[in-house]
Protein backbone atom coordinates (compact mmCIF):
# COMPACT_ATOMS: atom_id res chain seq x y z
CA MET A 1 33.96 50.05 157.16
CA ALA A 2 37.34 51.26 158.11
CA GLY A 3 38.13 55.03 157.75
CA ARG A 4 38.14 56.98 154.44
CA GLY A 5 40.06 59.61 155.99
CA ASP A 6 37.56 62.54 154.96
CA GLY A 7 37.69 63.39 159.13
CA THR A 8 34.16 60.79 159.13
CA GLY A 9 35.58 58.04 159.89
CA ASP A 10 36.16 56.22 163.24
CA SER A 11 39.12 54.43 164.15
CA GLY A 12 38.07 51.89 166.37
CA ASP A 13 38.83 54.46 169.03
CA GLY A 14 36.35 56.80 168.73
CA ALA A 15 38.89 59.67 167.52
CA PRO A 16 38.08 61.26 163.97
CA ASP A 17 41.10 59.45 161.87
CA GLU A 18 43.73 61.73 160.92
CA GLN A 19 45.91 59.60 159.16
CA PHE A 20 45.04 60.82 155.97
CA ASP A 21 44.83 64.31 156.43
CA TRP A 22 47.55 65.17 154.22
CA ILE A 23 45.79 63.83 151.55
CA TYR A 24 42.38 64.63 152.22
CA GLY A 25 43.05 68.67 154.34
CA ALA A 26 42.05 68.56 157.68
CA PRO A 27 38.20 69.01 158.86
CA ARG A 28 36.94 72.42 157.86
CA GLY A 29 37.43 73.72 161.33
CA GLY A 30 40.59 72.14 162.13
CA SER A 31 43.23 73.88 163.73
CA ASP A 32 45.99 73.71 160.89
CA PRO A 33 46.48 76.93 159.07
CA GLU A 34 49.01 75.35 156.40
CA PRO A 35 47.00 71.98 155.37
CA THR A 36 49.07 71.08 152.29
CA ARG A 37 53.52 71.85 153.73
CA ARG A 38 55.70 70.06 153.39
CA ILE A 39 56.13 66.85 155.60
CA PRO A 40 59.32 67.25 156.62
CA VAL A 41 62.28 64.55 155.26
CA GLN A 42 62.60 61.87 158.36
CA ARG A 43 66.78 60.84 158.82
CA ARG A 44 67.38 57.63 159.33
CA PRO A 45 68.97 57.24 162.98
CA GLY A 46 73.03 57.68 162.56
CA ALA A 47 72.86 59.76 159.37
CA ASN A 48 75.06 63.53 159.66
CA PRO A 49 72.77 66.29 159.23
CA PRO A 50 73.51 68.40 155.71
CA PRO A 51 76.19 71.05 155.41
CA PRO A 52 74.64 74.39 155.49
CA ARG A 53 74.08 75.78 152.30
CA THR A 54 76.00 78.83 151.13
CA PRO A 55 74.51 81.76 148.89
CA SER A 56 76.39 80.35 146.76
CA GLN A 57 75.03 77.16 146.63
CA THR A 58 71.41 78.62 147.30
CA PRO A 59 69.62 77.26 143.49
CA PRO A 60 68.79 79.84 141.83
CA GLN A 61 64.67 80.86 141.53
CA ALA A 62 62.94 80.43 138.30
CA PRO A 63 61.49 83.27 136.90
CA PRO A 64 57.74 83.18 137.12
CA ARG A 65 55.95 81.53 134.22
CA LEU A 66 54.19 83.42 131.71
CA PRO A 67 50.63 82.10 130.98
CA PRO A 68 51.12 79.73 127.87
CA ALA A 69 48.84 82.42 125.44
CA GLN A 70 51.67 84.78 126.14
CA GLN A 71 54.47 82.35 126.05
CA TYR A 72 54.11 82.03 122.22
CA GLY A 73 52.54 85.06 121.18
CA GLY A 74 49.02 84.40 121.30
CA ALA A 75 47.79 86.78 123.91
CA PRO A 76 49.29 90.64 124.09
CA PRO A 77 51.38 91.45 127.44
CA PRO A 78 49.81 92.28 130.13
CA THR A 79 49.96 96.26 129.68
CA GLY A 80 47.65 95.68 126.59
CA ARG A 81 50.53 96.56 124.57
CA ARG A 82 51.83 94.61 121.43
CA PRO A 83 55.22 94.33 121.31
CA ALA A 84 57.37 96.16 119.11
CA PRO A 85 58.51 93.99 116.38
CA ALA A 86 62.06 92.61 116.36
CA ALA A 87 64.63 95.77 114.77
CA THR A 88 66.06 94.25 111.14
CA PRO A 89 69.60 94.07 111.60
CA ALA A 90 71.03 96.49 109.08
CA PRO A 91 72.99 95.02 106.57
CA ARG A 92 76.57 95.48 106.68
CA ALA A 93 78.69 97.07 104.50
CA PRO A 94 80.61 95.43 102.01
CA ARG A 95 84.20 94.95 102.87
CA ARG A 96 85.75 97.80 100.75
CA SER A 97 88.84 96.52 98.89
CA ARG A 98 92.64 98.32 99.39
CA TRP A 99 92.92 99.59 95.80
CA SER A 100 89.59 101.54 96.37
CA ARG A 101 91.30 103.98 98.97
CA PRO A 102 92.46 107.16 98.30
CA ARG A 103 95.15 106.83 100.72
CA THR A 104 96.60 103.77 99.06
CA TYR A 105 97.12 105.47 96.01
CA VAL A 106 98.65 108.18 98.28
CA ARG A 107 100.41 106.07 100.11
CA LEU A 108 102.31 104.70 96.69
CA VAL A 109 102.90 108.17 94.71
CA LEU A 110 105.21 109.22 98.11
CA LEU A 111 107.10 105.81 97.82
CA ALA A 112 107.47 106.69 94.00
CA LEU A 113 108.76 109.34 94.72
CA VAL A 114 111.09 108.83 97.71
CA LEU A 115 112.97 105.62 94.94
CA TRP A 116 112.82 108.56 92.35
CA LEU A 117 114.87 111.31 94.68
CA VAL A 118 117.28 108.09 96.05
CA PHE A 119 117.68 106.70 92.17
CA LEU A 120 118.54 110.22 90.96
CA VAL A 121 121.31 110.78 93.69
CA THR A 122 122.56 107.02 93.70
CA VAL A 123 123.09 107.10 90.56
CA PRO A 124 126.14 109.97 89.93
CA LEU A 125 127.96 109.14 93.44
CA VAL A 126 127.88 105.36 91.78
CA ALA A 127 129.53 107.20 88.52
CA TRP A 128 131.37 109.71 90.83
CA ASN A 129 133.46 106.44 92.32
CA ARG A 130 134.97 105.26 89.05
CA VAL A 131 136.11 108.65 87.83
CA ASP A 132 139.68 109.18 87.30
CA LYS A 133 141.92 111.60 89.21
CA VAL A 134 144.16 113.76 87.95
CA ASP A 135 146.60 116.14 89.58
CA PHE A 136 146.75 119.46 87.81
CA GLU A 137 148.13 122.02 90.33
CA PRO A 138 152.01 122.30 89.15
CA SER A 139 155.01 123.12 91.74
CA ALA A 140 156.30 126.49 90.48
CA ASP A 141 154.85 129.75 91.96
CA ARG A 142 151.42 130.29 90.72
CA PRO A 143 148.92 133.51 91.07
CA ALA A 144 147.30 134.47 94.47
CA GLU A 145 143.39 132.80 95.26
CA GLN A 146 141.08 134.97 93.50
CA PRO A 147 137.34 136.07 93.71
CA GLY A 148 134.89 133.57 92.00
CA THR A 149 136.12 130.18 90.47
CA THR A 150 137.83 129.30 87.58
CA TYR A 151 137.26 126.26 85.96
CA LEU A 152 140.17 124.67 82.67
CA LEU A 153 138.16 122.53 80.54
CA VAL A 154 140.31 120.62 78.06
CA GLY A 155 139.37 118.79 75.57
CA SER A 156 142.07 116.17 74.73
CA ASP A 157 142.41 113.91 71.98
CA SER A 158 143.51 111.05 73.99
CA ARG A 159 142.54 107.89 72.22
CA ALA A 160 142.80 105.97 75.06
CA GLY A 161 139.61 103.77 75.71
CA LEU A 162 138.88 103.70 72.83
CA SER A 163 138.59 100.42 70.37
CA PRO A 164 140.42 100.49 66.68
CA GLU A 165 136.74 99.93 64.85
CA GLU A 166 135.61 103.30 67.16
CA ARG A 167 138.81 105.04 65.85
CA LYS A 168 138.45 104.36 62.72
CA GLU A 169 133.98 105.28 62.91
CA LEU A 170 135.77 108.96 64.25
CA HIS A 171 138.21 109.82 62.57
CA THR A 172 140.60 110.22 65.40
CA GLY A 173 143.74 108.91 64.03
CA ASP A 174 146.74 108.41 65.75
CA ALA A 175 145.83 106.32 69.23
CA ALA A 176 149.28 107.08 70.43
CA SER A 177 148.04 111.57 70.24
CA GLU A 178 148.29 113.08 73.54
CA LEU A 179 147.03 116.96 72.56
CA THR A 180 144.62 118.93 73.51
CA ASP A 181 141.93 119.99 71.00
CA THR A 182 140.14 122.40 73.11
CA ILE A 183 140.55 124.95 76.00
CA LEU A 184 138.71 126.18 78.16
CA LEU A 185 138.68 128.78 81.02
CA LEU A 186 135.70 129.07 82.72
CA HIS A 187 134.95 132.11 85.07
CA THR A 188 132.02 131.89 87.38
CA GLY A 189 131.30 134.86 90.10
CA ASP A 190 129.39 137.42 91.21
CA GLY A 191 129.22 139.23 87.57
CA PRO A 192 128.15 137.10 84.22
CA THR A 193 130.03 133.49 83.64
CA THR A 194 131.89 133.99 81.21
CA LEU A 195 133.47 131.04 78.94
CA VAL A 196 137.58 132.22 77.25
CA SER A 197 138.54 129.82 74.32
CA ILE A 198 142.58 129.47 74.39
CA PRO A 199 143.26 128.57 70.70
CA ARG A 200 145.28 124.86 70.24
CA ASP A 201 148.08 127.47 67.94
CA SER A 202 148.27 130.00 69.95
CA PRO A 203 152.10 130.61 70.10
CA LEU A 204 152.93 130.31 74.62
CA ASP A 205 155.73 129.68 76.90
CA ILE A 206 155.58 126.48 77.92
CA PRO A 207 158.75 126.74 80.92
CA GLY A 208 161.86 124.34 80.30
CA PHE A 209 160.63 124.04 76.65
CA GLY A 210 160.43 127.54 74.89
CA VAL A 211 157.72 129.44 72.98
CA SER A 212 155.68 126.54 71.19
CA LYS A 213 151.73 126.05 70.81
CA VAL A 214 149.86 125.34 73.66
CA ASN A 215 148.32 122.45 73.16
CA SER A 216 151.75 120.24 72.82
CA ALA A 217 152.79 121.73 76.73
CA TYR A 218 150.29 119.09 77.35
CA ALA A 219 151.93 116.24 75.91
CA LYS A 220 155.88 117.69 77.52
CA GLY A 221 154.40 118.01 80.78
CA GLY A 222 151.28 116.71 81.18
CA THR A 223 148.51 118.89 82.99
CA PRO A 224 150.49 120.21 85.52
CA LEU A 225 152.64 122.17 82.46
CA LEU A 226 149.29 122.89 80.61
CA VAL A 227 148.01 124.32 83.78
CA GLN A 228 151.38 126.37 84.63
CA THR A 229 151.46 128.03 80.90
CA LEU A 230 148.15 129.00 81.09
CA GLU A 231 148.36 130.93 84.63
CA ASN A 232 151.65 132.66 83.14
CA ALA A 233 150.08 133.81 80.02
CA THR A 234 146.49 134.76 81.56
CA GLY A 235 147.97 135.84 85.19
CA LEU A 236 144.29 133.13 86.20
CA ARG A 237 144.92 130.92 89.23
CA VAL A 238 142.97 127.57 88.05
CA ASP A 239 140.84 125.82 90.31
CA GLN A 240 139.81 123.11 88.93
CA TYR A 241 140.80 121.41 86.23
CA VAL A 242 138.06 119.04 83.88
CA GLU A 243 139.18 117.13 81.24
CA ILE A 244 136.89 114.81 77.95
CA GLY A 245 138.54 112.68 75.72
CA PHE A 246 137.24 111.56 72.09
CA GLY A 247 134.40 109.02 73.50
CA GLY A 248 133.12 111.54 76.06
CA LEU A 249 131.76 114.13 74.52
CA VAL A 250 130.10 110.97 71.90
CA GLY A 251 128.72 109.23 74.91
CA VAL A 252 127.28 112.49 76.65
CA VAL A 253 125.20 113.61 72.93
CA ASP A 254 123.95 110.00 72.41
CA ALA A 255 123.10 110.01 75.87
CA VAL A 256 120.58 113.09 75.76
CA GLY A 257 119.29 111.35 73.20
CA GLY A 258 121.33 114.05 70.17
CA ILE A 259 122.04 117.80 69.95
CA GLU A 260 121.39 120.29 67.52
CA ILE A 261 123.72 122.63 65.60
CA CYS A 262 123.24 124.83 63.06
CA PRO A 263 126.02 125.14 60.29
CA LYS A 264 126.71 128.36 58.53
CA GLN A 265 127.26 126.07 55.40
CA ARG A 266 127.44 122.96 54.18
CA ILE A 267 130.60 121.04 55.79
CA LYS A 268 132.47 118.25 54.27
CA ASP A 269 135.53 118.01 55.95
CA LYS A 270 137.71 115.12 55.51
CA ASP A 271 139.85 114.54 57.96
CA SER A 272 137.31 115.18 60.67
CA GLY A 273 134.13 113.18 58.81
CA LEU A 274 132.59 115.60 58.60
CA ASN A 275 128.92 115.75 56.44
CA VAL A 276 126.50 118.05 56.96
CA LYS A 277 124.23 120.40 55.39
CA LYS A 278 123.61 123.85 56.06
CA GLY A 279 121.04 124.78 58.78
CA CYS A 280 120.10 123.52 62.24
CA GLN A 281 119.62 120.07 62.07
CA GLU A 282 119.45 117.03 64.70
CA VAL A 283 123.13 114.97 65.28
CA ASP A 284 124.26 112.15 67.25
CA GLY A 285 127.72 112.11 69.31
CA ALA A 286 129.74 111.25 66.39
CA THR A 287 128.80 113.69 64.22
CA ALA A 288 128.71 116.38 67.14
CA LEU A 289 132.51 115.51 68.05
CA ALA A 290 133.22 115.23 64.41
CA TYR A 291 131.67 119.01 64.22
CA SER A 292 134.00 120.29 66.86
CA ARG A 293 136.81 118.56 65.08
CA ALA A 294 136.71 120.00 62.07
CA ARG A 295 138.32 123.03 60.60
CA LYS A 296 140.29 123.61 57.28
CA PHE A 297 137.07 123.92 55.48
CA SER A 298 137.42 126.92 56.96
CA PRO A 299 139.75 130.19 56.04
CA ILE A 300 140.07 130.95 59.52
CA SER A 301 140.39 127.56 60.51
CA ASP A 302 141.49 127.39 64.01
CA LEU A 303 139.14 129.89 65.18
CA ALA A 304 136.22 128.79 63.64
CA ARG A 305 136.24 125.77 64.81
CA VAL A 306 136.20 127.32 68.88
CA GLN A 307 133.61 128.39 67.80
CA GLN A 308 132.05 125.17 67.00
CA GLN A 309 134.08 124.08 69.96
CA ARG A 310 131.58 126.26 72.55
CA GLU A 311 127.94 125.70 69.63
CA VAL A 312 128.56 121.96 70.94
CA ILE A 313 128.65 122.51 74.78
CA ALA A 314 126.21 124.82 74.73
CA ALA A 315 124.21 122.52 72.73
CA VAL A 316 124.58 119.57 75.62
CA GLY A 317 123.94 121.92 77.50
CA ASP A 318 120.65 122.70 77.19
CA LYS A 319 120.27 118.75 77.02
CA VAL A 320 121.14 117.82 80.36
CA LEU A 321 119.41 120.42 82.25
CA SER A 322 116.24 119.52 80.53
CA PRO A 323 113.44 118.04 82.32
CA TRP A 324 113.22 115.43 80.42
CA SER A 325 117.18 114.01 80.86
CA VAL A 326 116.37 113.59 84.84
CA LEU A 327 112.29 112.44 84.21
CA ASN A 328 113.61 109.92 81.77
CA PRO A 329 115.56 107.01 83.89
CA PHE A 330 117.39 105.23 81.15
CA ARG A 331 118.87 109.12 80.16
CA TRP A 332 119.82 110.13 83.55
CA TRP A 333 121.14 106.59 84.51
CA GLY A 334 123.50 106.54 80.31
CA LEU A 335 124.25 110.19 81.21
CA ASN A 336 126.41 109.28 84.09
CA SER A 337 127.59 106.29 82.47
CA ALA A 338 129.37 107.90 79.97
CA VAL A 339 131.41 110.35 82.47
CA PRO A 340 133.70 107.48 84.63
CA ASP A 341 134.32 106.28 80.97
CA PHE A 342 135.58 109.38 79.87
CA PHE A 343 136.23 112.62 81.46
CA ARG A 344 139.03 113.04 83.92
CA PHE A 345 138.84 115.84 86.86
CA GLY A 346 140.85 117.56 89.55
CA ASP A 347 142.25 115.63 92.47
CA SER A 348 140.51 118.18 94.73
CA THR A 349 137.23 118.24 92.70
CA GLY A 350 135.04 116.31 94.68
CA PRO A 351 130.97 115.45 93.47
CA VAL A 352 129.44 118.96 94.61
CA ASP A 353 132.40 120.75 92.61
CA ALA A 354 131.80 119.07 89.74
CA GLY A 355 128.29 119.63 89.47
CA LYS A 356 128.89 123.18 89.85
CA TRP A 357 130.74 122.68 87.13
CA ALA A 358 127.89 120.98 84.74
CA LEU A 359 125.45 123.53 86.05
CA ALA A 360 127.79 126.86 84.95
CA MET A 361 128.35 125.08 81.41
CA THR A 362 125.01 125.68 81.58
CA LYS A 363 124.87 129.17 82.39
CA VAL A 364 127.54 130.80 80.29
CA LYS A 365 126.17 135.20 79.51
CA LYS A 366 129.40 135.84 77.98
CA SER A 367 131.53 133.86 75.34
CA CYS A 368 134.12 134.45 73.40
CA THR A 369 137.99 133.60 71.98
CA VAL A 370 140.69 135.56 73.54
CA PRO A 371 142.11 138.70 72.27
CA LEU A 372 143.81 137.59 68.99
CA ALA A 373 145.87 140.24 66.93
CA ARG A 374 145.81 138.03 63.75
CA ALA A 375 144.29 135.12 62.31
CA ASP A 376 147.68 133.43 63.17
CA THR A 377 146.32 133.10 66.36
CA THR A 378 148.87 135.14 68.02
CA TRP A 379 147.81 136.82 71.27
CA ASP A 380 146.92 140.74 71.29
CA GLY A 381 148.74 141.77 74.19
CA PRO A 382 146.87 144.52 75.87
CA ARG A 383 143.15 143.54 74.99
CA ALA A 384 144.10 140.00 76.55
CA GLU A 385 145.40 141.79 79.69
CA GLN A 386 142.57 143.63 80.09
CA LEU A 387 140.20 140.86 79.62
CA PHE A 388 142.04 138.27 82.39
CA GLY A 389 142.36 141.23 84.31
CA ARG A 390 139.18 141.59 84.70
CA ILE A 391 138.26 138.12 84.72
CA ALA A 392 140.84 137.58 87.72
CA GLU A 393 138.80 140.71 89.80
CA ASP A 394 135.28 139.12 89.27
CA ARG A 395 134.50 142.18 87.20
CA THR A 396 133.03 140.13 84.66
CA GLY A 397 130.38 142.05 84.07
CA LYS A 398 132.55 144.92 83.36
CA ILE A 399 133.78 143.28 79.76
CA THR A 400 133.06 145.14 76.87
CA ASP A 401 132.53 143.47 73.68
CA ASP A 402 135.63 144.83 71.93
CA LEU A 403 137.36 142.12 74.67
CA CYS A 404 135.31 139.73 74.07
CA THR A 405 135.05 138.31 70.32
CA ALA A 406 133.79 134.83 69.10
CA THR A 407 136.83 134.87 66.79
CA GLY A 408 138.77 137.07 69.18
CA LEU A 409 139.98 139.70 66.81
CA ALA A 410 139.42 142.84 67.15
CA PRO A 411 136.08 144.37 65.93
């Protein structure tokens, strides 16, 4: 029988049959130390040898395989320790809404404040660009510069800008009238802010026209002649000029939501259209205008009217300075919108000067009528000279009560 490859067969030549040793292994005691080694592949003649392998081409070594029990978790690891259970990932917190973050509201508040400040500054500047300017300085000789600031406030009965229906409603009468129903001198400086009323019927020397009622100077020569007349009579230098028409007072009072007046008696005045009861009461712009114009109900006529005018001005100032006038956007807008239509300022007055004037009108400490000798509005020369002299020197704290009275008459 042919050899079976177990090392006991005979190939015929008496030598052991070694051709199957690679399967059955070498006979015991053989000299081959690696009976299961891989037999090198014999290449065909003429074949090119393979290129040498670089380290990057060396195939990765497979990790040692674990026993099946360990592969499928059926047995503990060789160390005898149980594997720690896999950590359960912590649940992710839900994403917070932008509106639930405090800083969102802080930013909104800051943005609102910035926009509000822009609104507060922009509205007056826009209104100021529409304001008419007046050349009020006379060309004649004027008093020298004086300490402090003296404003001339004129309430003109000009009907410009009023429709026939509005003139009828406000009882303003002649559309061509150009008189000054209200003349006030306001002084600010180191001493108390002082407001002095000049009765419109005061007989003063009007340059080029002789002695006449002071309110006619406006109609005869415009603002420069009125300023010149007052500077000559008082010795004060007018630094700033402010003019308000009938409709301006109505607009401002309505813009601030009305004002409070406190007449000491029931007043029913046909010419002004005023009909109010005695005592404090809230009134609208039309009633406030009528109250500041009414005079025929009183035996002192023009002297009563100047007191009412100062009362209206003080009431308007209180409302303008109230926080609600600034916090309420509609009131702030209406208040500033009323300025360009019925206010005029001196050509040298800027928005800052106008603001200073408005603020000073609300801080009047001394309020009186020019010293008068009689109820017919004739001035008391010596007392008037003392009053205006102390104002010119910016010593308003030295103005005594006998120089500054409500009616102008000596106490």
